[in-house]
Amino acid sequence: MEGQGLALGWQHIVGPLIQQGKLVAPFEQQIATNQPFHIIAPEHKPLNPNAKALLDWLLKEMQ
């Protein structure tokens, strides 16, 4: 968004942003995978507020 770079994203999240013109798909190819992703964070150190907000959002979106 706003020229910040390139990212991968889930269709249900980025699709509406592409339709609104906030994101641009660089090509039409889409890849579906059943592979998990992992969130790695220190076990005994609290996350900073921005990292915690991102983690909370990711977990909410996965539900």
PDB file of N, CA and C in Angstrom:
ATOM      1  N   MET A   1       0.846  -1.180   0.000  1.00  0.00           N
ATOM      2  CA  MET A   1       0.000   0.000   0.000  1.00  0.00           C
ATOM      3  C   MET A   1       0.888   1.238   0.000  1.00  0.00           C
ATOM      4  N   GLU A   2       0.454   2.213  -0.719  1.00  0.00           N
ATOM      5  CA  GLU A   2       1.168   3.491  -0.779  1.00  0.00           C
ATOM      6  C   GLU A   2       2.623   3.325  -1.197  1.00  0.00           C
ATOM      7  N   GLY A   3       2.895   2.368  -2.094  1.00  0.00           N
ATOM      8  CA  GLY A   3       4.243   2.202  -2.616  1.00  0.00           C
ATOM      9  C   GLY A   3       5.242   1.632  -1.637  1.00  0.00           C
ATOM     10  N   GLN A   4       4.778   0.915  -0.622  1.00  0.00           N
ATOM     11  CA  GLN A   4       5.672   0.433   0.425  1.00  0.00           C
ATOM     12  C   GLN A   4       6.431  -0.834   0.064  1.00  0.00           C
ATOM     13  N   GLY A   5       6.056  -1.513  -1.012  1.00  0.00           N
ATOM     14  CA  GLY A   5       6.818  -2.704  -1.370  1.00  0.00           C
ATOM     15  C   GLY A   5       5.931  -3.812  -1.880  1.00  0.00           C
ATOM     16  N   LEU A   6       6.427  -5.010  -1.788  1.00  0.00           N
ATOM     17  CA  LEU A   6       5.763  -6.201  -2.284  1.00  0.00           C
ATOM     18  C   LEU A   6       5.449  -7.118  -1.114  1.00  0.00           C
ATOM     19  N   ALA A   7       4.290  -7.764  -1.161  1.00  0.00           N
ATOM     20  CA  ALA A   7       3.910  -8.659  -0.068  1.00  0.00           C
ATOM     21  C   ALA A   7       3.106  -9.827  -0.606  1.00  0.00           C
ATOM     22  N   LEU A   8       3.096 -10.900   0.137  1.00  0.00           N
ATOM     23  CA  LEU A   8       2.213 -12.024  -0.126  1.00  0.00           C
ATOM     24  C   LEU A   8       1.037 -11.907   0.822  1.00  0.00           C
ATOM     25  N   GLY A   9      -0.117 -12.385   0.404  1.00  0.00           N
ATOM     26  CA  GLY A   9      -1.261 -12.276   1.300  1.00  0.00           C
ATOM     27  C   GLY A   9      -2.337 -13.278   0.978  1.00  0.00           C
ATOM     28  N   TRP A  10      -3.217 -13.504   1.921  1.00  0.00           N
ATOM     29  CA  TRP A  10      -4.352 -14.390   1.731  1.00  0.00           C
ATOM     30  C   TRP A  10      -5.406 -13.667   0.905  1.00  0.00           C
ATOM     31  N   GLN A  11      -6.025 -14.398  -0.011  1.00  0.00           N
ATOM     32  CA  GLN A  11      -7.018 -13.809  -0.903  1.00  0.00           C
ATOM     33  C   GLN A  11      -8.138 -13.122  -0.134  1.00  0.00           C
ATOM     34  N   HIS A  12      -8.615 -13.731   0.942  1.00  0.00           N
ATOM     35  CA  HIS A  12      -9.734 -13.131   1.674  1.00  0.00           C
ATOM     36  C   HIS A  12      -9.336 -11.810   2.351  1.00  0.00           C
ATOM     37  N   ILE A  13      -8.055 -11.572   2.495  1.00  0.00           N
ATOM     38  CA  ILE A  13      -7.595 -10.308   3.088  1.00  0.00           C
ATOM     39  C   ILE A  13      -7.226  -9.308   1.999  1.00  0.00           C
ATOM     40  N   VAL A  14      -6.418  -9.732   1.022  1.00  0.00           N
ATOM     41  CA  VAL A  14      -5.936  -8.781   0.017  1.00  0.00           C
ATOM     42  C   VAL A  14      -6.921  -8.559  -1.119  1.00  0.00           C
ATOM     43  N   GLY A  15      -7.833  -9.513  -1.356  1.00  0.00           N
ATOM     44  CA  GLY A  15      -8.799  -9.372  -2.449  1.00  0.00           C
ATOM     45  C   GLY A  15      -9.583  -8.077  -2.402  1.00  0.00           C
ATOM     46  N   PRO A  16     -10.207  -7.753  -1.264  1.00  0.00           N
ATOM     47  CA  PRO A  16     -10.954  -6.497  -1.186  1.00  0.00           C
ATOM     48  C   PRO A  16     -10.060  -5.260  -1.381  1.00  0.00           C
ATOM     49  N   LEU A  17      -8.831  -5.321  -0.905  1.00  0.00           N
ATOM     50  CA  LEU A  17      -7.919  -4.184  -1.075  1.00  0.00           C
ATOM     51  C   LEU A  17      -7.524  -4.015  -2.538  1.00  0.00           C
ATOM     52  N   ILE A  18      -7.399  -5.126  -3.259  1.00  0.00           N
ATOM     53  CA  ILE A  18      -7.119  -5.046  -4.694  1.00  0.00           C
ATOM     54  C   ILE A  18      -8.325  -4.448  -5.416  1.00  0.00           C
ATOM     55  N   GLN A  19      -9.528  -4.908  -5.059  1.00  0.00           N
ATOM     56  CA  GLN A  19     -10.747  -4.382  -5.679  1.00  0.00           C
ATOM     57  C   GLN A  19     -10.922  -2.886  -5.415  1.00  0.00           C
ATOM     58  N   GLN A  20     -10.500  -2.418  -4.257  1.00  0.00           N
ATOM     59  CA  GLN A  20     -10.612  -0.996  -3.904  1.00  0.00           C
ATOM     60  C   GLN A  20      -9.495  -0.163  -4.521  1.00  0.00           C
ATOM     61  N   GLY A  21      -8.527  -0.808  -5.155  1.00  0.00           N
ATOM     62  CA  GLY A  21      -7.412  -0.089  -5.748  1.00  0.00           C
ATOM     63  C   GLY A  21      -6.327   0.296  -4.763  1.00  0.00           C
ATOM     64  N   LYS A  22      -6.405  -0.217  -3.529  1.00  0.00           N
ATOM     65  CA  LYS A  22      -5.388   0.091  -2.521  1.00  0.00           C
ATOM     66  C   LYS A  22      -4.138  -0.759  -2.705  1.00  0.00           C
ATOM     67  N   LEU A  23      -4.310  -1.940  -3.306  1.00  0.00           N
ATOM     68  CA  LEU A  23      -3.201  -2.824  -3.651  1.00  0.00           C
ATOM     69  C   LEU A  23      -3.294  -3.149  -5.130  1.00  0.00           C
ATOM     70  N   VAL A  24      -2.167  -3.526  -5.710  1.00  0.00           N
ATOM     71  CA  VAL A  24      -2.116  -3.926  -7.108  1.00  0.00           C
ATOM     72  C   VAL A  24      -1.496  -5.315  -7.168  1.00  0.00           C
ATOM     73  N   ALA A  25      -2.170  -6.235  -7.848  1.00  0.00           N
ATOM     74  CA  ALA A  25      -1.604  -7.566  -8.045  1.00  0.00           C
ATOM     75  C   ALA A  25      -0.577  -7.485  -9.166  1.00  0.00           C
ATOM     76  N   PRO A  26       0.683  -7.844  -8.906  1.00  0.00           N
ATOM     77  CA  PRO A  26       1.710  -7.717  -9.941  1.00  0.00           C
ATOM     78  C   PRO A  26       1.539  -8.710 -11.079  1.00  0.00           C
ATOM     79  N   PHE A  27       0.815  -9.805 -10.826  1.00  0.00           N
ATOM     80  CA  PHE A  27       0.507 -10.790 -11.865  1.00  0.00           C
ATOM     81  C   PHE A  27      -0.746 -11.538 -11.432  1.00  0.00           C
ATOM     82  N   GLU A  28      -1.350 -12.255 -12.354  1.00  0.00           N
ATOM     83  CA  GLU A  28      -2.629 -12.903 -12.065  1.00  0.00           C
ATOM     84  C   GLU A  28      -2.504 -14.247 -11.359  1.00  0.00           C
ATOM     85  N   GLN A  29      -1.331 -14.862 -11.387  1.00  0.00           N
ATOM     86  CA  GLN A  29      -1.144 -16.185 -10.800  1.00  0.00           C
ATOM     87  C   GLN A  29      -1.407 -16.167  -9.298  1.00  0.00           C
ATOM     88  N   GLN A  30      -2.146 -17.166  -8.826  1.00  0.00           N
ATOM     89  CA  GLN A  30      -2.379 -17.364  -7.403  1.00  0.00           C
ATOM     90  C   GLN A  30      -1.945 -18.775  -7.048  1.00  0.00           C
ATOM     91  N   ILE A  31      -1.445 -18.951  -5.863  1.00  0.00           N
ATOM     92  CA  ILE A  31      -0.989 -20.260  -5.412  1.00  0.00           C
ATOM     93  C   ILE A  31      -1.702 -20.600  -4.106  1.00  0.00           C
ATOM     94  N   ALA A  32      -2.342 -21.746  -4.086  1.00  0.00           N
ATOM     95  CA  ALA A  32      -2.977 -22.226  -2.857  1.00  0.00           C
ATOM     96  C   ALA A  32      -2.050 -23.251  -2.216  1.00  0.00           C
ATOM     97  N   THR A  33      -1.968 -23.225  -0.918  1.00  0.00           N
ATOM     98  CA  THR A  33      -1.123 -24.183  -0.206  1.00  0.00           C
ATOM     99  C   THR A  33      -1.812 -24.619   1.085  1.00  0.00           C
ATOM    100  N   ASN A  34      -1.556 -25.816   1.455  1.00  0.00           N
ATOM    101  CA  ASN A  34      -2.036 -26.322   2.742  1.00  0.00           C
ATOM    102  C   ASN A  34      -0.931 -26.288   3.787  1.00  0.00           C
ATOM    103  N   GLN A  35       0.162 -25.646   3.455  1.00  0.00           N
ATOM    104  CA  GLN A  35       1.304 -25.575   4.357  1.00  0.00           C
ATOM    105  C   GLN A  35       1.046 -24.546   5.459  1.00  0.00           C
ATOM    106  N   PRO A  36       1.424 -24.865   6.668  1.00  0.00           N
ATOM    107  CA  PRO A  36       1.247 -23.918   7.773  1.00  0.00           C
ATOM    108  C   PRO A  36       2.307 -22.818   7.729  1.00  0.00           C
ATOM    109  N   PHE A  37       2.081 -21.795   8.509  1.00  0.00           N
ATOM    110  CA  PHE A  37       3.141 -20.830   8.741  1.00  0.00           C
ATOM    111  C   PHE A  37       3.396 -20.797  10.236  1.00  0.00           C
ATOM    112  N   HIS A  38       4.541 -20.298  10.604  1.00  0.00           N
ATOM    113  CA  HIS A  38       4.952 -20.317  12.004  1.00  0.00           C
ATOM    114  C   HIS A  38       5.205 -18.895  12.479  1.00  0.00           C
ATOM    115  N   ILE A  39       4.840 -18.655  13.709  1.00  0.00           N
ATOM    116  CA  ILE A  39       5.127 -17.384  14.361  1.00  0.00           C
ATOM    117  C   ILE A  39       6.190 -17.673  15.414  1.00  0.00           C
ATOM    118  N   ILE A  40       7.313 -17.002  15.281  1.00  0.00           N
ATOM    119  CA  ILE A  40       8.422 -17.236  16.196  1.00  0.00           C
ATOM    120  C   ILE A  40       8.637 -15.969  17.023  1.00  0.00           C
ATOM    121  N   ALA A  41       8.612 -16.140  18.329  1.00  0.00           N
ATOM    122  CA  ALA A  41       8.796 -15.008  19.235  1.00  0.00           C
ATOM    123  C   ALA A  41       9.482 -15.513  20.494  1.00  0.00           C
ATOM    124  N   PRO A  42      10.201 -14.639  21.183  1.00  0.00           N
ATOM    125  CA  PRO A  42      10.850 -15.055  22.426  1.00  0.00           C
ATOM    126  C   PRO A  42       9.811 -15.550  23.439  1.00  0.00           C
ATOM    127  N   GLU A  43      10.110 -16.649  24.071  1.00  0.00           N
ATOM    128  CA  GLU A  43       9.157 -17.237  25.010  1.00  0.00           C
ATOM    129  C   GLU A  43       9.093 -16.485  26.338  1.00  0.00           C
ATOM    130  N   HIS A  44      10.212 -15.937  26.774  1.00  0.00           N
ATOM    131  CA  HIS A  44      10.254 -15.305  28.101  1.00  0.00           C
ATOM    132  C   HIS A  44      10.470 -13.799  28.035  1.00  0.00           C
ATOM    133  N   LYS A  45      10.137 -13.207  26.886  1.00  0.00           N
ATOM    134  CA  LYS A  45      10.285 -11.764  26.738  1.00  0.00           C
ATOM    135  C   LYS A  45       9.015 -11.233  26.097  1.00  0.00           C
ATOM    136  N   PRO A  46       8.384 -10.236  26.698  1.00  0.00           N
ATOM    137  CA  PRO A  46       7.143  -9.718  26.105  1.00  0.00           C
ATOM    138  C   PRO A  46       7.406  -9.048  24.757  1.00  0.00           C
ATOM    139  N   LEU A  47       6.440  -9.178  23.866  1.00  0.00           N
ATOM    140  CA  LEU A  47       6.537  -8.518  22.566  1.00  0.00           C
ATOM    141  C   LEU A  47       6.301  -7.027  22.730  1.00  0.00           C
ATOM    142  N   ASN A  48       6.922  -6.239  21.852  1.00  0.00           N
ATOM    143  CA  ASN A  48       6.614  -4.814  21.902  1.00  0.00           C
ATOM    144  C   ASN A  48       5.175  -4.631  21.410  1.00  0.00           C
ATOM    145  N   PRO A  49       4.547  -3.507  21.708  1.00  0.00           N
ATOM    146  CA  PRO A  49       3.130  -3.323  21.378  1.00  0.00           C
ATOM    147  C   PRO A  49       2.801  -3.531  19.895  1.00  0.00           C
ATOM    148  N   ASN A  50       3.670  -3.111  18.990  1.00  0.00           N
ATOM    149  CA  ASN A  50       3.394  -3.299  17.565  1.00  0.00           C
ATOM    150  C   ASN A  50       3.435  -4.775  17.174  1.00  0.00           C
ATOM    151  N   ALA A  51       4.411  -5.502  17.666  1.00  0.00           N
ATOM    152  CA  ALA A  51       4.509  -6.936  17.372  1.00  0.00           C
ATOM    153  C   ALA A  51       3.329  -7.687  17.981  1.00  0.00           C
ATOM    154  N   LYS A  52       2.929  -7.302  19.184  1.00  0.00           N
ATOM    155  CA  LYS A  52       1.781  -7.935  19.839  1.00  0.00           C
ATOM    156  C   LYS A  52       0.503  -7.681  19.056  1.00  0.00           C
ATOM    157  N   ALA A  53       0.329  -6.466  18.567  1.00  0.00           N
ATOM    158  CA  ALA A  53      -0.856  -6.139  17.768  1.00  0.00           C
ATOM    159  C   ALA A  53      -0.881  -6.972  16.487  1.00  0.00           C
ATOM    160  N   LEU A  54       0.281  -7.124  15.840  1.00  0.00           N
ATOM    161  CA  LEU A  54       0.361  -7.940  14.633  1.00  0.00           C
ATOM    162  C   LEU A  54       0.035  -9.392  14.953  1.00  0.00           C
ATOM    163  N   LEU A  55       0.606  -9.937  15.999  1.00  0.00           N
ATOM    164  CA  LEU A  55       0.339 -11.315  16.391  1.00  0.00           C
ATOM    165  C   LEU A  55      -1.154 -11.517  16.677  1.00  0.00           C
ATOM    166  N   ASP A  56      -1.742 -10.628  17.442  1.00  0.00           N
ATOM    167  CA  ASP A  56      -3.162 -10.739  17.764  1.00  0.00           C
ATOM    168  C   ASP A  56      -4.015 -10.709  16.500  1.00  0.00           C
ATOM    169  N   TRP A  57      -3.671  -9.824  15.559  1.00  0.00           N
ATOM    170  CA  TRP A  57      -4.414  -9.714  14.311  1.00  0.00           C
ATOM    171  C   TRP A  57      -4.286 -10.987  13.484  1.00  0.00           C
ATOM    172  N   LEU A  58      -3.058 -11.512  13.352  1.00  0.00           N
ATOM    173  CA  LEU A  58      -2.857 -12.747  12.601  1.00  0.00           C
ATOM    174  C   LEU A  58      -3.672 -13.896  13.189  1.00  0.00           C
ATOM    175  N   LEU A  59      -3.631 -14.046  14.484  1.00  0.00           N
ATOM    176  CA  LEU A  59      -4.363 -15.126  15.120  1.00  0.00           C
ATOM    177  C   LEU A  59      -5.868 -14.954  14.925  1.00  0.00           C
ATOM    178  N   LYS A  60      -6.362 -13.734  14.994  1.00  0.00           N
ATOM    179  CA  LYS A  60      -7.783 -13.466  14.766  1.00  0.00           C
ATOM    180  C   LYS A  60      -8.189 -13.812  13.337  1.00  0.00           C
ATOM    181  N   GLU A  61      -7.360 -13.433  12.371  1.00  0.00           N
ATOM    182  CA  GLU A  61      -7.660 -13.699  10.963  1.00  0.00           C
ATOM    183  C   GLU A  61      -7.667 -15.187  10.652  1.00  0.00           C
ATOM    184  N   MET A  62      -6.909 -15.967  11.398  1.00  0.00           N
ATOM    185  CA  MET A  62      -6.828 -17.406  11.145  1.00  0.00           C
ATOM    186  C   MET A  62      -8.019 -18.166  11.677  1.00  0.00           C
ATOM    187  N   GLN A  63      -8.800 -17.566  12.544  1.00  0.00           N
ATOM    188  CA  GLN A  63      -9.935 -18.274  13.151  1.00  0.00           C
ATOM    189  C   GLN A  63     -11.034 -18.517  12.151  1.00  0.00           C
TER     190      GLN A  63
END
